[in-house]
Amino acid sequence: VGEVMAIGRKFEEAFQKALRMVDENFPGFDPYVQL
């Protein structure tokens, strides 16, 4: 079981950061989202 913690202004921003934390090569769901 793995856990991540990410802080962002919106859920989408925090979720994208958490995804990138798990795998640095994974750009997230939409690489063009302005963070």
C-alpha atoms as a PDB file:
ATOM      1  CA  VAL A   1       0.000   0.000   0.000  1.00  0.00           C
ATOM      2  CA  GLY A   2       1.387   3.386  -0.961  1.00  0.00           C
ATOM      3  CA  GLU A   3       0.347   6.816   0.168  1.00  0.00           C
ATOM      4  CA  VAL A   4       0.958  10.299  -1.164  1.00  0.00           C
ATOM      5  CA  MET A   5       0.271  13.754   0.180  1.00  0.00           C
ATOM      6  CA  ALA A   6      -0.140  16.802  -2.007  1.00  0.00           C
ATOM      7  CA  ILE A   7      -1.407  20.287  -1.239  1.00  0.00           C
ATOM      8  CA  GLY A   8      -3.052  22.484  -3.831  1.00  0.00           C
ATOM      9  CA  ARG A   9      -5.654  25.199  -4.171  1.00  0.00           C
ATOM     10  CA  LYS A  10      -8.059  22.845  -5.932  1.00  0.00           C
ATOM     11  CA  PHE A  11      -8.600  19.097  -5.769  1.00  0.00           C
ATOM     12  CA  GLU A  12      -7.472  18.731  -9.386  1.00  0.00           C
ATOM     13  CA  GLU A  13      -4.161  20.464  -8.685  1.00  0.00           C
ATOM     14  CA  ALA A  14      -3.444  18.349  -5.599  1.00  0.00           C
ATOM     15  CA  PHE A  15      -4.401  15.161  -7.446  1.00  0.00           C
ATOM     16  CA  GLN A  16      -2.071  15.982 -10.360  1.00  0.00           C
ATOM     17  CA  LYS A  17       0.776  16.631  -7.912  1.00  0.00           C
ATOM     18  CA  ALA A  18       0.090  13.340  -6.154  1.00  0.00           C
ATOM     19  CA  LEU A  19       0.153  11.464  -9.468  1.00  0.00           C
ATOM     20  CA  ARG A  20       3.475  13.034 -10.406  1.00  0.00           C
ATOM     21  CA  MET A  21       4.833  12.162  -6.955  1.00  0.00           C
ATOM     22  CA  VAL A  22       4.117   8.474  -7.532  1.00  0.00           C
ATOM     23  CA  ASP A  23       5.663   8.358 -11.014  1.00  0.00           C
ATOM     24  CA  GLU A  24       7.797  11.253 -12.244  1.00  0.00           C
ATOM     25  CA  ASN A  25       7.412  10.139 -15.878  1.00  0.00           C
ATOM     26  CA  PHE A  26       3.611  10.329 -15.683  1.00  0.00           C
ATOM     27  CA  PRO A  27       2.514  13.850 -16.681  1.00  0.00           C
ATOM     28  CA  GLY A  28      -0.940  13.496 -15.119  1.00  0.00           C
ATOM     29  CA  PHE A  29      -4.302  13.319 -16.797  1.00  0.00           C
ATOM     30  CA  ASP A  30      -3.824  16.544 -18.754  1.00  0.00           C
ATOM     31  CA  PRO A  31      -0.246  17.802 -19.137  1.00  0.00           C
ATOM     32  CA  TYR A  32      -1.521  21.235 -20.221  1.00  0.00           C
ATOM     33  CA  VAL A  33      -3.284  22.019 -16.943  1.00  0.00           C
ATOM     34  CA  GLN A  34      -1.919  25.281 -15.552  1.00  0.00           C
ATOM     35  CA  LEU A  35      -0.662  24.604 -12.041  1.00  0.00           C
END
